[in-house]
Amino acid sequence: MRHRQEISAIDSHTAGEPTRVITGGLPPLTGSTLAEKQASLYAAWPDLIGMVVGEPRGHAPSHATIVLPPTRPDADLSLLILSALGPLEMCGHALIGTVTTLLETGLVSSPTLRIETLAGLITAHASVSDGQVSSVRFQGAPSYVLQDDIPVEVPGLGTARVALVYGGLWYAVAELPVPLHLDRVNALIAAGSHIRAALAGGPVVPTQTLFIGDNLTNMATSDALGFDRSPCGTGTCARLALMHSRGLASVGVPYEFTSITGTRFTGRIAGAAEGAVQPEITGSAWLTARTTLLYSPTDPLRSGFFVPAVDRISAPES
């Protein structure tokens, strides 16, 4: 075994979306800020994302997190987030999965954690009973609408009503006159790609498309990840901001958001000021595996790979 590198990890899923918390095997990091530590990580190990979340050890929807000591005095820990999209500033499902993992394995003891992310300081609180975490609530990044009511014609599916919204990541929040069902996943992924391409010359480039439907259904899509199995944490933050902007959500009222797999997050606007809302998301995660990832220098797929979910230039299925 000495000729192989090893990375230890604990896997979980948050409302169906996987998170892998790396617990050992990474090189020491340098830097005085979280951004500097991230830069040193990828300088030392540029293929890390593909290795820990790409095939053949993972798959495109997987995310991984690295828990580090904080670099700011008001934080309990800091968090780096890895995905097929690259390093992420923030990810709600990964944060819920990480907090659940840390508490249920005894790596932390306090149910309230101030977590430093590249999107800012996030406060999370877990409900814990007999060592089991039933849910995690976190306050996301201040979320706001940059632009609303952008019409985008999607071949075969009609006209989408789109808004550019920040919820910790930039989203194209879109409504289409089609149902959000699992049997239409491929068409919706392609439609999301088409919408982002149509917005490429705008003020921001959205990371993902968040399709919103009746009964507060959410479906986040991207070329790299495919579709989110959960209602999407940062996407729900963005949707709360859009609902508030449109007069459809009030401060302090909880709303239940559903994914196309039937899993749920609860979202609430904790406050609103200066055109932005303070979103609060509650969700649950479950541990699924303890694993040791092995990397042989002779393995031709050691660095991992990702299969794009969709060709951006293709038209969506009808």
C-alpha atoms as a PDB file:
ATOM      1  CA  MET A   1       0.000   0.000   0.000  1.00  0.00           C
ATOM      2  CA  ARG A   2       2.963   2.363   0.423  1.00  0.00           C
ATOM      3  CA  HIS A   3       3.141   3.165  -3.264  1.00  0.00           C
ATOM      4  CA  ARG A   4      -0.414   4.530  -3.159  1.00  0.00           C
ATOM      5  CA  GLN A   5      -1.629   7.877  -1.897  1.00  0.00           C
ATOM      6  CA  GLU A   6      -4.623   7.755   0.413  1.00  0.00           C
ATOM      7  CA  ILE A   7      -7.335  10.263   1.271  1.00  0.00           C
ATOM      8  CA  SER A   8      -9.824   9.461   4.018  1.00  0.00           C
ATOM      9  CA  ALA A   9     -13.371  10.775   3.788  1.00  0.00           C
ATOM     10  CA  ILE A  10     -16.888  10.465   5.153  1.00  0.00           C
ATOM     11  CA  ASP A  11     -19.789  10.548   2.701  1.00  0.00           C
ATOM     12  CA  SER A  12     -23.322  11.790   3.223  1.00  0.00           C
ATOM     13  CA  HIS A  13     -26.288  12.978   1.229  1.00  0.00           C
ATOM     14  CA  THR A  14     -28.358  16.073   1.873  1.00  0.00           C
ATOM     15  CA  ALA A  15     -31.886  15.598   0.542  1.00  0.00           C
ATOM     16  CA  GLY A  16     -30.377  13.327  -2.111  1.00  0.00           C
ATOM     17  CA  GLU A  17     -27.342  15.438  -3.048  1.00  0.00           C
ATOM     18  CA  PRO A  18     -23.964  13.887  -2.066  1.00  0.00           C
ATOM     19  CA  THR A  19     -21.210  15.466   0.026  1.00  0.00           C
ATOM     20  CA  ARG A  20     -17.783  13.969   0.773  1.00  0.00           C
ATOM     21  CA  VAL A  21     -16.002  15.457   3.815  1.00  0.00           C
ATOM     22  CA  ILE A  22     -12.254  14.930   3.481  1.00  0.00           C
ATOM     23  CA  THR A  23     -10.786  14.012   6.863  1.00  0.00           C
ATOM     24  CA  GLY A  24      -7.153  13.192   6.067  1.00  0.00           C
ATOM     25  CA  GLY A  25      -4.429  12.777   3.473  1.00  0.00           C
ATOM     26  CA  LEU A  26      -4.130  16.308   2.097  1.00  0.00           C
ATOM     27  CA  PRO A  27      -0.909  18.331   2.068  1.00  0.00           C
ATOM     28  CA  PRO A  28      -0.366  21.146   4.596  1.00  0.00           C
ATOM     29  CA  LEU A  29      -1.786  24.451   3.395  1.00  0.00           C
ATOM     30  CA  THR A  30      -0.167  27.858   3.583  1.00  0.00           C
ATOM     31  CA  GLY A  31      -1.605  31.374   3.624  1.00  0.00           C
ATOM     32  CA  SER A  32      -3.176  33.791   6.042  1.00  0.00           C
ATOM     33  CA  THR A  33      -6.618  33.926   4.386  1.00  0.00           C
ATOM     34  CA  LEU A  34      -9.005  31.235   3.221  1.00  0.00           C
ATOM     35  CA  ALA A  35      -8.494  32.275  -0.401  1.00  0.00           C
ATOM     36  CA  GLU A  36      -4.720  31.941   0.005  1.00  0.00           C
ATOM     37  CA  LYS A  37      -5.113  28.509   1.578  1.00  0.00           C
ATOM     38  CA  GLN A  38      -7.282  27.421  -1.331  1.00  0.00           C
ATOM     39  CA  ALA A  39      -4.685  28.698  -3.801  1.00  0.00           C
ATOM     40  CA  SER A  40      -1.940  26.748  -2.022  1.00  0.00           C
ATOM     41  CA  LEU A  41      -4.077  23.593  -2.098  1.00  0.00           C
ATOM     42  CA  TYR A  42      -4.561  23.635  -5.850  1.00  0.00           C
ATOM     43  CA  ALA A  43      -0.958  24.670  -6.468  1.00  0.00           C
ATOM     44  CA  ALA A  44       0.162  21.554  -4.596  1.00  0.00           C
ATOM     45  CA  TRP A  45      -2.543  19.290  -5.971  1.00  0.00           C
ATOM     46  CA  PRO A  46      -4.083  20.717  -9.165  1.00  0.00           C
ATOM     47  CA  ASP A  47      -6.021  17.535  -9.961  1.00  0.00           C
ATOM     48  CA  LEU A  48      -7.640  17.268  -6.532  1.00  0.00           C
ATOM     49  CA  ILE A  49     -11.219  18.041  -7.600  1.00  0.00           C
ATOM     50  CA  GLY A  50     -11.237  15.359 -10.275  1.00  0.00           C
ATOM     51  CA  MET A  51      -9.567  12.918  -7.919  1.00  0.00           C
ATOM     52  CA  VAL A  52     -12.070  13.204  -5.070  1.00  0.00           C
ATOM     53  CA  VAL A  53     -15.390  13.925  -6.802  1.00  0.00           C
ATOM     54  CA  GLY A  54     -14.834  12.922 -10.421  1.00  0.00           C
ATOM     55  CA  GLU A  55     -15.222   9.465 -11.911  1.00  0.00           C
ATOM     56  CA  PRO A  56     -14.249   6.713 -11.225  1.00  0.00           C
ATOM     57  CA  ARG A  57     -14.311   7.485  -7.462  1.00  0.00           C
ATOM     58  CA  GLY A  58     -17.308   9.806  -7.577  1.00  0.00           C
ATOM     59  CA  HIS A  59     -19.663  11.313 -10.129  1.00  0.00           C
ATOM     60  CA  ALA A  60     -20.563  14.763 -11.391  1.00  0.00           C
ATOM     61  CA  PRO A  61     -23.213  15.715  -8.774  1.00  0.00           C
ATOM     62  CA  SER A  62     -20.792  14.928  -5.927  1.00  0.00           C
ATOM     63  CA  HIS A  63     -19.302  17.722  -3.854  1.00  0.00           C
ATOM     64  CA  ALA A  64     -16.439  17.535  -1.386  1.00  0.00           C
ATOM     65  CA  THR A  65     -15.504  19.777   1.517  1.00  0.00           C
ATOM     66  CA  ILE A  66     -12.303  20.435   3.420  1.00  0.00           C
ATOM     67  CA  VAL A  67     -12.615  21.676   6.993  1.00  0.00           C
ATOM     68  CA  LEU A  68      -9.799  23.965   8.141  1.00  0.00           C
ATOM     69  CA  PRO A  69      -8.997  26.150  11.135  1.00  0.00           C
ATOM     70  CA  PRO A  70     -10.524  29.617  10.741  1.00  0.00           C
ATOM     71  CA  THR A  71      -8.515  32.537   9.397  1.00  0.00           C
ATOM     72  CA  ARG A  72     -10.787  35.168  10.975  1.00  0.00           C
ATOM     73  CA  PRO A  73     -11.450  35.656  14.705  1.00  0.00           C
ATOM     74  CA  ASP A  74     -15.249  35.459  14.535  1.00  0.00           C
ATOM     75  CA  ALA A  75     -15.327  31.973  12.951  1.00  0.00           C
ATOM     76  CA  ASP A  76     -15.165  28.506  14.510  1.00  0.00           C
ATOM     77  CA  LEU A  77     -13.879  26.823  11.365  1.00  0.00           C
ATOM     78  CA  SER A  78     -13.421  27.480   7.667  1.00  0.00           C
ATOM     79  CA  LEU A  79     -14.696  25.467   4.736  1.00  0.00           C
ATOM     80  CA  LEU A  80     -13.456  24.889   1.211  1.00  0.00           C
ATOM     81  CA  ILE A  81     -15.969  23.412  -1.238  1.00  0.00           C
ATOM     82  CA  LEU A  82     -15.042  21.358  -4.310  1.00  0.00           C
ATOM     83  CA  SER A  83     -17.341  20.398  -7.183  1.00  0.00           C
ATOM     84  CA  ALA A  84     -17.418  19.593 -10.878  1.00  0.00           C
ATOM     85  CA  LEU A  85     -18.043  23.326 -11.356  1.00  0.00           C
ATOM     86  CA  GLY A  86     -14.677  23.962  -9.690  1.00  0.00           C
ATOM     87  CA  PRO A  87     -14.103  25.587  -6.291  1.00  0.00           C
ATOM     88  CA  LEU A  88     -17.343  27.052  -4.953  1.00  0.00           C
ATOM     89  CA  GLU A  89     -17.762  30.090  -2.731  1.00  0.00           C
ATOM     90  CA  MET A  90     -20.750  28.510  -1.023  1.00  0.00           C
ATOM     91  CA  CYS A  91     -22.998  25.456  -1.282  1.00  0.00           C
ATOM     92  CA  GLY A  92     -25.981  24.949   1.008  1.00  0.00           C
ATOM     93  CA  HIS A  93     -26.348  21.183   0.730  1.00  0.00           C
ATOM     94  CA  ALA A  94     -22.604  20.679   1.242  1.00  0.00           C
ATOM     95  CA  LEU A  95     -22.681  22.872   4.344  1.00  0.00           C
ATOM     96  CA  ILE A  96     -25.610  20.897   5.800  1.00  0.00           C
ATOM     97  CA  GLY A  97     -23.865  17.609   5.018  1.00  0.00           C
ATOM     98  CA  THR A  98     -20.586  18.798   6.503  1.00  0.00           C
ATOM     99  CA  VAL A  99     -22.121  20.049   9.755  1.00  0.00           C
ATOM    100  CA  THR A 100     -24.067  16.792  10.129  1.00  0.00           C
ATOM    101  CA  THR A 101     -20.923  14.753   9.512  1.00  0.00           C
ATOM    102  CA  LEU A 102     -18.787  16.743  11.951  1.00  0.00           C
ATOM    103  CA  LEU A 103     -21.355  16.424  14.746  1.00  0.00           C
ATOM    104  CA  GLU A 104     -22.328  12.790  14.254  1.00  0.00           C
ATOM    105  CA  THR A 105     -18.686  11.664  14.126  1.00  0.00           C
ATOM    106  CA  GLY A 106     -17.663  13.770  17.132  1.00  0.00           C
ATOM    107  CA  LEU A 107     -15.249  15.986  15.220  1.00  0.00           C
ATOM    108  CA  VAL A 108     -17.063  19.003  16.695  1.00  0.00           C
ATOM    109  CA  SER A 109     -19.351  19.200  19.703  1.00  0.00           C
ATOM    110  CA  SER A 110     -21.129  22.554  19.502  1.00  0.00           C
ATOM    111  CA  PRO A 111     -24.461  22.513  17.625  1.00  0.00           C
ATOM    112  CA  THR A 112     -23.926  26.162  16.659  1.00  0.00           C
ATOM    113  CA  LEU A 113     -21.036  26.871  14.307  1.00  0.00           C
ATOM    114  CA  ARG A 114     -19.798  30.046  12.651  1.00  0.00           C
ATOM    115  CA  ILE A 115     -18.357  28.856   9.367  1.00  0.00           C
ATOM    116  CA  GLU A 116     -15.985  30.890   7.234  1.00  0.00           C
ATOM    117  CA  THR A 117     -16.606  30.414   3.513  1.00  0.00           C
ATOM    118  CA  LEU A 118     -15.389  32.283   0.468  1.00  0.00           C
ATOM    119  CA  ALA A 119     -18.894  33.836   0.316  1.00  0.00           C
ATOM    120  CA  GLY A 120     -18.532  35.164   3.869  1.00  0.00           C
ATOM    121  CA  LEU A 121     -19.367  34.042   7.399  1.00  0.00           C
ATOM    122  CA  ILE A 122     -22.241  31.547   7.618  1.00  0.00           C
ATOM    123  CA  THR A 123     -23.868  30.683  10.949  1.00  0.00           C
ATOM    124  CA  ALA A 124     -25.284  27.154  11.192  1.00  0.00           C
ATOM    125  CA  HIS A 125     -27.290  25.561  13.987  1.00  0.00           C
ATOM    126  CA  ALA A 126     -28.019  21.833  14.222  1.00  0.00           C
ATOM    127  CA  SER A 127     -30.846  20.111  16.051  1.00  0.00           C
ATOM    128  CA  VAL A 128     -29.203  17.161  17.814  1.00  0.00           C
ATOM    129  CA  SER A 129     -30.699  14.365  19.918  1.00  0.00           C
ATOM    130  CA  ASP A 130     -28.765  11.338  21.229  1.00  0.00           C
ATOM    131  CA  GLY A 131     -25.898  12.100  18.893  1.00  0.00           C
ATOM    132  CA  GLN A 132     -28.113  12.207  15.803  1.00  0.00           C
ATOM    133  CA  VAL A 133     -28.612  15.376  13.773  1.00  0.00           C
ATOM    134  CA  SER A 134     -32.207  15.747  12.660  1.00  0.00           C
ATOM    135  CA  SER A 135     -31.691  19.015  10.758  1.00  0.00           C
ATOM    136  CA  VAL A 136     -29.291  21.888  10.158  1.00  0.00           C
ATOM    137  CA  ARG A 137     -30.374  25.508   9.810  1.00  0.00           C
ATOM    138  CA  PHE A 138     -28.072  28.107   8.301  1.00  0.00           C
ATOM    139  CA  GLN A 139     -28.242  31.749   7.348  1.00  0.00           C
ATOM    140  CA  GLY A 140     -27.028  32.110   3.797  1.00  0.00           C
ATOM    141  CA  ALA A 141     -25.294  34.988   2.109  1.00  0.00           C
ATOM    142  CA  PRO A 142     -27.400  38.149   1.628  1.00  0.00           C
ATOM    143  CA  SER A 143     -29.383  37.446  -1.534  1.00  0.00           C
ATOM    144  CA  TYR A 144     -30.792  39.836  -4.080  1.00  0.00           C
ATOM    145  CA  VAL A 145     -32.276  40.224  -7.565  1.00  0.00           C
ATOM    146  CA  LEU A 146     -30.093  41.956 -10.119  1.00  0.00           C
ATOM    147  CA  GLN A 147     -32.504  41.785 -13.055  1.00  0.00           C
ATOM    148  CA  ASP A 148     -35.986  40.318 -13.568  1.00  0.00           C
ATOM    149  CA  ASP A 149     -38.423  39.521 -16.366  1.00  0.00           C
ATOM    150  CA  ILE A 150     -35.850  38.599 -19.024  1.00  0.00           C
ATOM    151  CA  PRO A 151     -37.611  36.649 -21.804  1.00  0.00           C
ATOM    152  CA  VAL A 152     -35.596  33.782 -23.304  1.00  0.00           C
ATOM    153  CA  GLU A 153     -37.012  31.645 -26.072  1.00  0.00           C
ATOM    154  CA  VAL A 154     -36.150  27.958 -25.529  1.00  0.00           C
ATOM    155  CA  PRO A 155     -36.517  25.836 -28.680  1.00  0.00           C
ATOM    156  CA  GLY A 156     -39.235  23.234 -28.272  1.00  0.00           C
ATOM    157  CA  LEU A 157     -40.267  24.345 -24.777  1.00  0.00           C
ATOM    158  CA  GLY A 158     -41.524  27.913 -25.132  1.00  0.00           C
ATOM    159  CA  THR A 159     -40.548  31.248 -23.608  1.00  0.00           C
ATOM    160  CA  ALA A 160     -38.825  31.257 -20.235  1.00  0.00           C
ATOM    161  CA  ARG A 161     -39.287  34.116 -17.774  1.00  0.00           C
ATOM    162  CA  VAL A 162     -35.809  34.569 -16.293  1.00  0.00           C
ATOM    163  CA  ALA A 163     -34.278  36.577 -13.449  1.00  0.00           C
ATOM    164  CA  LEU A 164     -30.626  37.028 -12.501  1.00  0.00           C
ATOM    165  CA  VAL A 165     -30.401  36.413  -8.762  1.00  0.00           C
ATOM    166  CA  TYR A 166     -27.545  36.030  -6.266  1.00  0.00           C
ATOM    167  CA  GLY A 167     -28.024  33.488  -3.476  1.00  0.00           C
ATOM    168  CA  GLY A 168     -24.404  32.710  -2.616  1.00  0.00           C
ATOM    169  CA  LEU A 169     -23.887  31.790  -6.287  1.00  0.00           C
ATOM    170  CA  TRP A 170     -25.346  33.501  -9.348  1.00  0.00           C
ATOM    171  CA  TYR A 171     -28.483  31.887 -10.753  1.00  0.00           C
ATOM    172  CA  ALA A 172     -30.612  32.295 -13.814  1.00  0.00           C
ATOM    173  CA  VAL A 173     -33.967  31.648 -12.121  1.00  0.00           C
ATOM    174  CA  ALA A 174     -36.318  30.486 -14.840  1.00  0.00           C
ATOM    175  CA  GLU A 175     -39.979  29.590 -15.300  1.00  0.00           C
ATOM    176  CA  LEU A 176     -41.017  27.448 -18.257  1.00  0.00           C
ATOM    177  CA  PRO A 177     -44.498  26.313 -19.298  1.00  0.00           C
ATOM    178  CA  VAL A 178     -43.526  22.656 -18.706  1.00  0.00           C
ATOM    179  CA  PRO A 179     -43.760  20.478 -15.571  1.00  0.00           C
ATOM    180  CA  LEU A 180     -40.641  19.832 -13.483  1.00  0.00           C
ATOM    181  CA  HIS A 181     -40.555  16.042 -13.420  1.00  0.00           C
ATOM    182  CA  LEU A 182     -37.782  13.429 -13.347  1.00  0.00           C
ATOM    183  CA  ASP A 183     -38.864  12.140 -16.753  1.00  0.00           C
ATOM    184  CA  ARG A 184     -38.021  15.567 -18.260  1.00  0.00           C
ATOM    185  CA  VAL A 185     -34.591  15.927 -16.678  1.00  0.00           C
ATOM    186  CA  ASN A 186     -32.580  15.771 -19.906  1.00  0.00           C
ATOM    187  CA  ALA A 187     -34.754  18.367 -21.628  1.00  0.00           C
ATOM    188  CA  LEU A 188     -34.531  20.705 -18.643  1.00  0.00           C
ATOM    189  CA  ILE A 189     -30.756  20.362 -18.331  1.00  0.00           C
ATOM    190  CA  ALA A 190     -30.429  21.283 -22.008  1.00  0.00           C
ATOM    191  CA  ALA A 191     -32.887  24.151 -21.581  1.00  0.00           C
ATOM    192  CA  GLY A 192     -30.884  25.463 -18.627  1.00  0.00           C
ATOM    193  CA  SER A 193     -27.748  25.427 -20.749  1.00  0.00           C
ATOM    194  CA  HIS A 194     -29.549  27.303 -23.524  1.00  0.00           C
ATOM    195  CA  ILE A 195     -30.757  29.946 -21.058  1.00  0.00           C
ATOM    196  CA  ARG A 196     -27.296  30.529 -19.594  1.00  0.00           C
ATOM    197  CA  ALA A 197     -25.831  30.807 -23.079  1.00  0.00           C
ATOM    198  CA  ALA A 198     -28.480  33.394 -23.981  1.00  0.00           C
ATOM    199  CA  LEU A 199     -27.457  35.460 -20.935  1.00  0.00           C
ATOM    200  CA  ALA A 200     -23.719  35.219 -21.599  1.00  0.00           C
ATOM    201  CA  GLY A 201     -23.464  38.847 -22.691  1.00  0.00           C
ATOM    202  CA  GLY A 202     -25.296  40.181 -19.653  1.00  0.00           C
ATOM    203  CA  PRO A 203     -24.018  41.827 -16.471  1.00  0.00           C
ATOM    204  CA  VAL A 204     -23.152  38.501 -14.762  1.00  0.00           C
ATOM    205  CA  VAL A 205     -22.633  34.921 -15.888  1.00  0.00           C
ATOM    206  CA  PRO A 206     -24.933  32.631 -13.874  1.00  0.00           C
ATOM    207  CA  THR A 207     -23.320  29.493 -12.442  1.00  0.00           C
ATOM    208  CA  GLN A 208     -26.518  27.474 -12.726  1.00  0.00           C
ATOM    209  CA  THR A 209     -30.096  27.696 -13.936  1.00  0.00           C
ATOM    210  CA  LEU A 210     -32.741  27.255 -11.251  1.00  0.00           C
ATOM    211  CA  PHE A 211     -36.073  26.156 -12.675  1.00  0.00           C
ATOM    212  CA  ILE A 212     -38.979  26.991 -10.406  1.00  0.00           C
ATOM    213  CA  GLY A 213     -42.391  25.406 -10.590  1.00  0.00           C
ATOM    214  CA  ASP A 214     -45.723  25.156  -8.866  1.00  0.00           C
ATOM    215  CA  ASN A 215     -45.879  24.063  -5.202  1.00  0.00           C
ATOM    216  CA  LEU A 216     -42.448  25.671  -4.643  1.00  0.00           C
ATOM    217  CA  THR A 217     -40.571  23.056  -6.670  1.00  0.00           C
ATOM    218  CA  ASN A 218     -36.891  23.793  -7.368  1.00  0.00           C
ATOM    219  CA  MET A 219     -34.566  22.187  -9.909  1.00  0.00           C
ATOM    220  CA  ALA A 220     -31.039  23.540 -10.311  1.00  0.00           C
ATOM    221  CA  THR A 221     -29.164  22.542 -13.469  1.00  0.00           C
ATOM    222  CA  SER A 222     -25.709  23.074 -14.937  1.00  0.00           C
ATOM    223  CA  ASP A 223     -23.615  21.646 -17.757  1.00  0.00           C
ATOM    224  CA  ALA A 224     -21.105  20.085 -15.355  1.00  0.00           C
ATOM    225  CA  LEU A 225     -23.359  18.830 -12.543  1.00  0.00           C
ATOM    226  CA  GLY A 226     -26.469  17.868 -14.471  1.00  0.00           C
ATOM    227  CA  PHE A 227     -29.272  18.455 -11.969  1.00  0.00           C
ATOM    228  CA  ASP A 228     -29.495  18.915  -8.215  1.00  0.00           C
ATOM    229  CA  ARG A 229     -31.230  16.063  -6.419  1.00  0.00           C
ATOM    230  CA  SER A 230     -32.040  18.387  -3.509  1.00  0.00           C
ATOM    231  CA  PRO A 231     -34.053  21.640  -3.617  1.00  0.00           C
ATOM    232  CA  CYS A 232     -30.607  23.374  -3.736  1.00  0.00           C
ATOM    233  CA  GLY A 233     -29.482  25.467  -0.767  1.00  0.00           C
ATOM    234  CA  THR A 234     -28.079  28.537  -2.505  1.00  0.00           C
ATOM    235  CA  GLY A 235     -30.768  28.182  -5.157  1.00  0.00           C
ATOM    236  CA  THR A 236     -33.433  28.334  -2.460  1.00  0.00           C
ATOM    237  CA  CYS A 237     -31.746  31.470  -1.098  1.00  0.00           C
ATOM    238  CA  ALA A 238     -31.996  32.974  -4.574  1.00  0.00           C
ATOM    239  CA  ARG A 239     -35.640  31.957  -4.939  1.00  0.00           C
ATOM    240  CA  LEU A 240     -36.530  33.530  -1.592  1.00  0.00           C
ATOM    241  CA  ALA A 241     -34.938  36.783  -2.777  1.00  0.00           C
ATOM    242  CA  LEU A 242     -36.929  36.640  -6.011  1.00  0.00           C
ATOM    243  CA  MET A 243     -40.180  35.818  -4.206  1.00  0.00           C
ATOM    244  CA  HIS A 244     -39.648  38.772  -1.860  1.00  0.00           C
ATOM    245  CA  SER A 245     -38.861  41.077  -4.785  1.00  0.00           C
ATOM    246  CA  ARG A 246     -42.094  40.014  -6.496  1.00  0.00           C
ATOM    247  CA  GLY A 247     -44.171  40.425  -3.333  1.00  0.00           C
ATOM    248  CA  LEU A 248     -44.688  36.664  -2.957  1.00  0.00           C
ATOM    249  CA  ALA A 249     -42.801  36.094   0.325  1.00  0.00           C
ATOM    250  CA  SER A 250     -42.923  37.850   3.673  1.00  0.00           C
ATOM    251  CA  VAL A 251     -40.223  38.192   6.302  1.00  0.00           C
ATOM    252  CA  GLY A 252     -40.425  35.524   8.995  1.00  0.00           C
ATOM    253  CA  VAL A 253     -42.800  33.163   7.158  1.00  0.00           C
ATOM    254  CA  PRO A 254     -41.460  29.618   6.511  1.00  0.00           C
ATOM    255  CA  TYR A 255     -41.883  28.123   3.043  1.00  0.00           C
ATOM    256  CA  GLU A 256     -41.345  24.482   2.121  1.00  0.00           C
ATOM    257  CA  PHE A 257     -39.413  23.885  -1.101  1.00  0.00           C
ATOM    258  CA  THR A 258     -39.453  20.526  -2.880  1.00  0.00           C
ATOM    259  CA  SER A 259     -36.953  18.928  -5.258  1.00  0.00           C
ATOM    260  CA  ILE A 260     -37.947  16.822  -8.241  1.00  0.00           C
ATOM    261  CA  THR A 261     -36.907  13.768  -6.187  1.00  0.00           C
ATOM    262  CA  GLY A 262     -39.481  14.726  -3.541  1.00  0.00           C
ATOM    263  CA  THR A 263     -37.022  15.855  -0.856  1.00  0.00           C
ATOM    264  CA  ARG A 264     -37.530  19.133   1.001  1.00  0.00           C
ATOM    265  CA  PHE A 265     -35.843  22.206   2.456  1.00  0.00           C
ATOM    266  CA  THR A 266     -37.548  24.855   4.543  1.00  0.00           C
ATOM    267  CA  GLY A 267     -36.701  28.443   3.632  1.00  0.00           C
ATOM    268  CA  ARG A 268     -37.416  31.617   5.561  1.00  0.00           C
ATOM    269  CA  ILE A 269     -36.465  35.264   5.135  1.00  0.00           C
ATOM    270  CA  ALA A 270     -34.940  36.316   8.454  1.00  0.00           C
ATOM    271  CA  GLY A 271     -34.710  39.967   7.432  1.00  0.00           C
ATOM    272  CA  ALA A 272     -34.659  42.362   4.502  1.00  0.00           C
ATOM    273  CA  ALA A 273     -32.800  45.630   3.963  1.00  0.00           C
ATOM    274  CA  GLU A 274     -31.319  47.688   1.137  1.00  0.00           C
ATOM    275  CA  GLY A 275     -32.660  45.504  -1.646  1.00  0.00           C
ATOM    276  CA  ALA A 276     -31.374  42.211  -0.218  1.00  0.00           C
ATOM    277  CA  VAL A 277     -32.846  39.508   1.999  1.00  0.00           C
ATOM    278  CA  GLN A 278     -31.210  37.415   4.694  1.00  0.00           C
ATOM    279  CA  PRO A 279     -32.257  33.855   3.825  1.00  0.00           C
ATOM    280  CA  GLU A 280     -32.381  30.992   6.304  1.00  0.00           C
ATOM    281  CA  ILE A 281     -32.424  27.400   5.059  1.00  0.00           C
ATOM    282  CA  THR A 282     -33.169  24.218   7.013  1.00  0.00           C
ATOM    283  CA  GLY A 283     -32.443  20.740   5.680  1.00  0.00           C
ATOM    284  CA  SER A 284     -31.346  17.263   6.724  1.00  0.00           C
ATOM    285  CA  ALA A 285     -28.437  15.016   5.792  1.00  0.00           C
ATOM    286  CA  TRP A 286     -27.633  11.357   6.364  1.00  0.00           C
ATOM    287  CA  LEU A 287     -24.209   9.716   6.560  1.00  0.00           C
ATOM    288  CA  THR A 288     -23.722   6.988   3.946  1.00  0.00           C
ATOM    289  CA  ALA A 289     -20.121   5.746   4.085  1.00  0.00           C
ATOM    290  CA  ARG A 290     -16.638   5.971   5.527  1.00  0.00           C
ATOM    291  CA  THR A 291     -14.106   5.538   2.777  1.00  0.00           C
ATOM    292  CA  THR A 292     -10.413   5.640   1.955  1.00  0.00           C
ATOM    293  CA  LEU A 293      -9.706   6.822  -1.590  1.00  0.00           C
ATOM    294  CA  LEU A 294      -6.631   5.214  -3.133  1.00  0.00           C
ATOM    295  CA  TYR A 295      -4.486   6.743  -5.873  1.00  0.00           C
ATOM    296  CA  SER A 296      -1.886   4.698  -7.706  1.00  0.00           C
ATOM    297  CA  PRO A 297       0.744   6.558  -9.797  1.00  0.00           C
ATOM    298  CA  THR A 298       0.257   3.967 -12.566  1.00  0.00           C
ATOM    299  CA  ASP A 299      -3.526   4.455 -12.778  1.00  0.00           C
ATOM    300  CA  PRO A 300      -4.296   6.219 -16.098  1.00  0.00           C
ATOM    301  CA  LEU A 301      -7.481   7.661 -14.560  1.00  0.00           C
ATOM    302  CA  ARG A 302      -5.829   8.715 -11.308  1.00  0.00           C
ATOM    303  CA  SER A 303      -6.758  12.374 -11.876  1.00  0.00           C
ATOM    304  CA  GLY A 304     -10.420  11.551 -12.435  1.00  0.00           C
ATOM    305  CA  PHE A 305     -12.724  12.855 -15.126  1.00  0.00           C
ATOM    306  CA  PHE A 306     -16.157  14.404 -15.610  1.00  0.00           C
ATOM    307  CA  VAL A 307     -18.672  13.729 -18.360  1.00  0.00           C
ATOM    308  CA  PRO A 308     -20.535  16.950 -19.275  1.00  0.00           C
ATOM    309  CA  ALA A 309     -24.268  16.675 -18.664  1.00  0.00           C
ATOM    310  CA  VAL A 310     -25.108  18.451 -21.917  1.00  0.00           C
ATOM    311  CA  ASP A 311     -23.547  19.959 -25.008  1.00  0.00           C
ATOM    312  CA  ARG A 312     -24.195  23.698 -24.665  1.00  0.00           C
ATOM    313  CA  ILE A 313     -24.860  24.139 -28.376  1.00  0.00           C
ATOM    314  CA  SER A 314     -27.452  21.366 -28.637  1.00  0.00           C
ATOM    315  CA  ALA A 315     -31.145  22.141 -28.645  1.00  0.00           C
ATOM    316  CA  PRO A 316     -33.218  20.806 -25.762  1.00  0.00           C
ATOM    317  CA  GLU A 317     -35.379  17.771 -26.226  1.00  0.00           C
ATOM    318  CA  SER A 318     -39.027  18.428 -26.927  1.00  0.00           C
END
